[in-house]
Structures are given as structure tokens and as C-alpha cells.
N, C-alpha and C. Protein backbone atom coordinates (compact mmCIF):
# COMPACT_ATOMS: atom_id res chain seq x y z
N UNK A 1 0.81 -1.19 0.00
CA UNK A 1 0.00 0.00 0.00
C UNK A 1 0.87 1.27 0.00
N UNK A 2 1.93 1.28 0.82
CA UNK A 2 2.80 2.44 0.89
C UNK A 2 4.10 2.23 0.12
N UNK A 3 4.22 1.11 -0.54
CA UNK A 3 5.42 0.84 -1.32
C UNK A 3 6.58 0.32 -0.49
N UNK A 4 6.30 -0.16 0.71
CA UNK A 4 7.35 -0.72 1.56
C UNK A 4 7.18 -2.23 1.60
N UNK A 5 8.27 -2.97 1.39
CA UNK A 5 8.14 -4.42 1.29
C UNK A 5 7.88 -5.13 2.61
N UNK A 6 8.18 -4.51 3.75
CA UNK A 6 7.92 -5.19 5.02
C UNK A 6 7.66 -4.18 6.13
N UNK A 7 7.19 -4.68 7.25
CA UNK A 7 6.83 -3.83 8.39
C UNK A 7 8.04 -3.10 8.95
N UNK A 8 9.19 -3.73 8.96
CA UNK A 8 10.39 -3.11 9.51
C UNK A 8 10.72 -1.82 8.77
N UNK A 9 10.68 -1.85 7.45
CA UNK A 9 10.95 -0.65 6.67
C UNK A 9 9.90 0.43 6.92
N UNK A 10 8.65 0.02 7.04
CA UNK A 10 7.58 0.97 7.31
C UNK A 10 7.77 1.62 8.68
N UNK A 11 8.13 0.81 9.68
CA UNK A 11 8.37 1.34 11.03
C UNK A 11 9.53 2.34 11.00
N UNK A 12 10.58 2.05 10.25
CA UNK A 12 11.70 2.99 10.13
C UNK A 12 11.24 4.29 9.49
N UNK A 13 10.39 4.19 8.49
CA UNK A 13 9.85 5.37 7.82
C UNK A 13 9.04 6.22 8.80
N UNK A 14 8.17 5.59 9.57
CA UNK A 14 7.34 6.31 10.54
C UNK A 14 8.22 7.00 11.58
N UNK A 15 9.22 6.28 12.11
CA UNK A 15 10.13 6.89 13.09
C UNK A 15 10.85 8.10 12.51
N UNK A 16 11.22 7.99 11.25
CA UNK A 16 11.95 9.09 10.60
C UNK A 16 11.07 10.33 10.43
N UNK A 17 9.85 10.16 9.96
CA UNK A 17 9.00 11.33 9.73
C UNK A 17 8.50 11.94 11.04
N UNK A 18 8.47 11.15 12.13
CA UNK A 18 8.06 11.66 13.43
C UNK A 18 9.25 12.09 14.29
N UNK A 19 10.45 12.02 13.71
CA UNK A 19 11.68 12.41 14.41
C UNK A 19 11.87 11.63 15.71
N UNK A 20 11.62 10.33 15.67
CA UNK A 20 11.82 9.47 16.83
C UNK A 20 13.22 8.88 16.76
N UNK A 21 13.99 9.10 17.82
CA UNK A 21 15.36 8.61 17.87
C UNK A 21 15.36 7.08 17.96
N UNK A 22 16.23 6.45 17.22
CA UNK A 22 16.38 5.00 17.31
C UNK A 22 17.70 4.68 17.98
N UNK A 23 17.71 3.56 18.68
CA UNK A 23 18.92 3.12 19.39
C UNK A 23 19.15 1.65 19.07
N UNK A 24 20.42 1.26 19.05
CA UNK A 24 20.71 -0.15 18.90
C UNK A 24 20.48 -0.83 20.24
N UNK A 25 20.29 -2.14 20.23
CA UNK A 25 20.10 -2.88 21.47
C UNK A 25 21.33 -2.72 22.37
N UNK A 26 22.49 -2.74 21.78
CA UNK A 26 23.73 -2.58 22.54
C UNK A 26 23.76 -1.24 23.26
N UNK A 27 23.42 -0.17 22.55
CA UNK A 27 23.42 1.18 23.14
C UNK A 27 22.37 1.27 24.25
N UNK A 28 21.17 0.76 23.99
CA UNK A 28 20.10 0.83 24.98
C UNK A 28 20.46 0.04 26.24
N UNK A 29 21.10 -1.12 26.08
CA UNK A 29 21.51 -1.93 27.22
C UNK A 29 22.56 -1.19 28.05
N UNK A 30 23.54 -0.59 27.40
CA UNK A 30 24.56 0.19 28.13
C UNK A 30 23.91 1.34 28.88
N UNK A 31 22.94 1.98 28.26
CA UNK A 31 22.23 3.09 28.89
C UNK A 31 21.46 2.61 30.12
N UNK A 32 20.84 1.43 30.03
CA UNK A 32 20.11 0.87 31.16
C UNK A 32 21.04 0.56 32.33
N UNK A 33 22.21 -0.01 32.03
CA UNK A 33 23.18 -0.29 33.08
C UNK A 33 23.62 1.01 33.75
N UNK A 34 23.90 2.04 32.96
CA UNK A 34 24.36 3.32 33.49
C UNK A 34 23.32 3.97 34.40
N UNK A 35 22.06 3.76 34.09
CA UNK A 35 20.99 4.36 34.88
C UNK A 35 20.48 3.44 35.99
N UNK A 36 21.09 2.25 36.12
CA UNK A 36 20.69 1.33 37.17
C UNK A 36 19.36 0.64 36.95
N UNK A 37 18.92 0.54 35.70
CA UNK A 37 17.63 -0.08 35.38
C UNK A 37 17.80 -1.46 34.78
N UNK A 38 18.99 -2.00 34.81
CA UNK A 38 19.26 -3.28 34.15
C UNK A 38 19.98 -4.18 35.14
N UNK A 39 19.47 -5.38 35.32
CA UNK A 39 20.08 -6.32 36.25
C UNK A 39 20.51 -7.57 35.51
N UNK A 40 21.61 -8.17 35.96
CA UNK A 40 22.05 -9.43 35.39
C UNK A 40 22.18 -10.44 36.51
N UNK A 41 21.50 -11.57 36.38
CA UNK A 41 21.57 -12.63 37.37
C UNK A 41 21.84 -13.94 36.66
N UNK A 42 22.97 -14.54 36.93
CA UNK A 42 23.33 -15.84 36.33
C UNK A 42 23.19 -15.84 34.82
N UNK A 43 23.73 -14.83 34.16
CA UNK A 43 23.66 -14.67 32.71
C UNK A 43 22.24 -14.55 32.18
N UNK A 44 21.28 -14.30 33.05
CA UNK A 44 19.90 -14.09 32.63
C UNK A 44 19.60 -12.61 32.79
N UNK A 45 19.28 -11.93 31.70
CA UNK A 45 19.07 -10.50 31.74
C UNK A 45 17.60 -10.17 31.99
N UNK A 46 17.40 -9.25 32.90
CA UNK A 46 16.06 -8.72 33.17
C UNK A 46 16.06 -7.32 32.58
N UNK A 47 15.45 -7.17 31.41
CA UNK A 47 15.60 -5.93 30.66
C UNK A 47 14.80 -4.76 31.19
N UNK A 48 13.55 -4.96 31.51
CA UNK A 48 12.78 -3.80 31.92
C UNK A 48 11.57 -4.22 32.74
N UNK A 49 10.98 -3.23 33.35
CA UNK A 49 9.80 -3.42 34.17
C UNK A 49 8.59 -3.61 33.27
N UNK A 50 7.73 -4.58 33.59
CA UNK A 50 6.50 -4.82 32.83
C UNK A 50 5.37 -5.09 33.81
N UNK A 51 4.16 -4.77 33.42
CA UNK A 51 3.03 -5.13 34.26
C UNK A 51 1.86 -4.19 34.16
N UNK A 52 0.88 -4.45 35.02
CA UNK A 52 -0.35 -3.68 35.05
C UNK A 52 -0.14 -2.43 35.90
N UNK A 53 -0.62 -1.31 35.39
CA UNK A 53 -0.57 -0.04 36.13
C UNK A 53 -1.99 0.46 36.28
N UNK A 54 -2.36 0.84 37.49
CA UNK A 54 -3.69 1.39 37.73
C UNK A 54 -3.60 2.91 37.63
N UNK A 55 -4.38 3.49 36.73
CA UNK A 55 -4.34 4.93 36.49
C UNK A 55 -5.10 5.68 37.57
N UNK A 56 -4.94 6.99 37.58
CA UNK A 56 -5.60 7.82 38.58
C UNK A 56 -7.12 7.74 38.50
N UNK A 57 -7.65 7.39 37.31
CA UNK A 57 -9.11 7.28 37.15
C UNK A 57 -9.57 5.82 37.14
N UNK A 58 -8.82 4.96 37.83
CA UNK A 58 -9.15 3.54 38.06
C UNK A 58 -9.20 2.66 36.82
N UNK A 59 -8.49 3.02 35.76
CA UNK A 59 -8.34 2.13 34.61
C UNK A 59 -7.07 1.31 34.81
N UNK A 60 -7.03 0.14 34.21
CA UNK A 60 -5.82 -0.67 34.26
C UNK A 60 -5.21 -0.72 32.86
N UNK A 61 -3.91 -0.44 32.77
CA UNK A 61 -3.21 -0.49 31.50
C UNK A 61 -1.98 -1.37 31.66
N UNK A 62 -1.59 -2.04 30.58
CA UNK A 62 -0.39 -2.88 30.61
C UNK A 62 0.77 -2.06 30.06
N UNK A 63 1.82 -1.92 30.88
CA UNK A 63 2.99 -1.16 30.48
C UNK A 63 4.17 -2.10 30.29
N UNK A 64 5.05 -1.78 29.33
CA UNK A 64 6.13 -2.68 28.96
C UNK A 64 7.53 -2.19 29.30
N UNK A 65 7.65 -1.04 29.96
CA UNK A 65 9.00 -0.57 30.28
C UNK A 65 8.97 0.39 31.46
N UNK A 66 10.13 0.58 32.05
CA UNK A 66 10.23 1.52 33.16
C UNK A 66 9.93 2.94 32.68
N UNK A 67 10.26 3.24 31.43
CA UNK A 67 9.95 4.56 30.87
C UNK A 67 8.44 4.78 30.83
N UNK A 68 7.69 3.75 30.43
CA UNK A 68 6.24 3.86 30.38
C UNK A 68 5.67 4.06 31.78
N UNK A 69 6.22 3.34 32.78
CA UNK A 69 5.76 3.51 34.16
C UNK A 69 6.04 4.93 34.65
N UNK A 70 7.22 5.46 34.34
CA UNK A 70 7.56 6.83 34.74
C UNK A 70 6.62 7.84 34.10
N UNK A 71 6.36 7.68 32.81
CA UNK A 71 5.49 8.61 32.10
C UNK A 71 4.05 8.51 32.59
N UNK A 72 3.59 7.28 32.83
CA UNK A 72 2.23 7.08 33.34
C UNK A 72 2.07 7.74 34.71
N UNK A 73 3.09 7.64 35.55
CA UNK A 73 3.04 8.28 36.86
C UNK A 73 2.94 9.79 36.72
N UNK A 74 3.69 10.35 35.79
CA UNK A 74 3.64 11.80 35.53
C UNK A 74 2.25 12.22 35.07
N UNK A 75 1.66 11.44 34.15
CA UNK A 75 0.31 11.75 33.67
C UNK A 75 -0.72 11.62 34.79
N UNK A 76 -0.55 10.60 35.66
CA UNK A 76 -1.46 10.41 36.79
C UNK A 76 -1.39 11.58 37.76
N UNK A 77 -0.18 12.05 38.03
CA UNK A 77 -0.02 13.19 38.94
C UNK A 77 -0.73 14.43 38.42
N UNK A 78 -0.79 14.58 37.10
CA UNK A 78 -1.44 15.74 36.49
C UNK A 78 -2.90 15.47 36.12
N UNK A 79 -3.38 14.26 36.48
CA UNK A 79 -4.76 13.84 36.20
C UNK A 79 -5.13 13.99 34.73
N UNK A 80 -4.25 13.49 33.88
CA UNK A 80 -4.47 13.50 32.43
C UNK A 80 -4.96 12.12 32.00
N UNK A 81 -6.06 12.10 31.25
CA UNK A 81 -6.58 10.82 30.72
C UNK A 81 -5.67 10.34 29.60
N UNK A 82 -5.39 9.04 29.56
CA UNK A 82 -4.56 8.48 28.50
C UNK A 82 -4.93 7.03 28.26
N UNK A 83 -4.56 6.55 27.09
CA UNK A 83 -4.77 5.16 26.70
C UNK A 83 -3.42 4.57 26.31
N UNK A 84 -3.30 3.28 26.43
CA UNK A 84 -2.07 2.60 26.06
C UNK A 84 -2.38 1.59 24.96
N UNK A 85 -1.64 1.68 23.87
CA UNK A 85 -1.79 0.78 22.72
C UNK A 85 -3.23 0.66 22.26
N UNK A 86 -3.91 1.79 22.14
CA UNK A 86 -5.30 1.76 21.69
C UNK A 86 -5.42 1.72 20.17
N UNK A 87 -4.34 2.08 19.47
CA UNK A 87 -4.33 2.04 18.02
C UNK A 87 -3.64 0.75 17.56
N UNK A 88 -4.34 -0.06 16.82
CA UNK A 88 -3.76 -1.30 16.29
C UNK A 88 -3.75 -1.21 14.76
N UNK A 89 -2.61 -1.42 14.18
CA UNK A 89 -2.49 -1.39 12.74
C UNK A 89 -2.44 -2.83 12.23
N UNK A 90 -3.39 -3.19 11.40
CA UNK A 90 -3.46 -4.55 10.88
C UNK A 90 -2.39 -4.73 9.82
N UNK A 91 -1.62 -5.77 9.96
CA UNK A 91 -0.55 -6.08 9.01
C UNK A 91 -1.05 -7.14 8.03
N UNK A 92 -0.98 -6.82 6.76
CA UNK A 92 -1.40 -7.78 5.74
C UNK A 92 -0.17 -8.27 5.01
N UNK A 93 0.04 -9.55 5.03
CA UNK A 93 1.18 -10.16 4.36
C UNK A 93 0.76 -10.59 2.95
N UNK A 94 1.43 -10.01 1.97
CA UNK A 94 1.07 -10.33 0.58
C UNK A 94 1.65 -11.68 0.22
């Protein structure tokens, strides 16, 4: 539809037009260690915080990272309504 052969290329295009910074896994992991958000136990990596968060208006949302938890807390403190992953884009494989 958009002339992109796969979802990965389309995602890169969207990030580019929205000026979203991309990071390699290696860079992101080093950043997590530096900020104390990354733990290693017996060569098993625990990458980020995940789970259910209860919003200020009693909704439950599933968050996938410590960044999302931090941002959700900020929005809750300001009593701002928000949704998480409410937009789903259907992928059609030709």
C-alpha cells in the first residue's frame, strides 16, 4: 500500500517522519546499566519493568517498560486521561 516491502521498513519510515530517535540494542543496554535499570543474574538479563498499572481514574493499562511507568506516573499526577496501545495497525502479508 505504501510501497514498503515489510513492516520493519515501514516502522523505520514512521520513526523518521516523526523524528523518533532510534537506538541499537547494545546502546540501549549500556544506557540501562548506566541508569541502574538493568540487572544481570546468572547470565539471565532482566531488561525492563513490565506489568499492570492502575491509572488515577481507576483504569488498568499494561505497560512494557520503566519509561512507560515513569510517564504514566507523571500523567497520573497531572490527572491527564490516557490510553495505552489503543491504536492497532493490521498487518497484511502479501
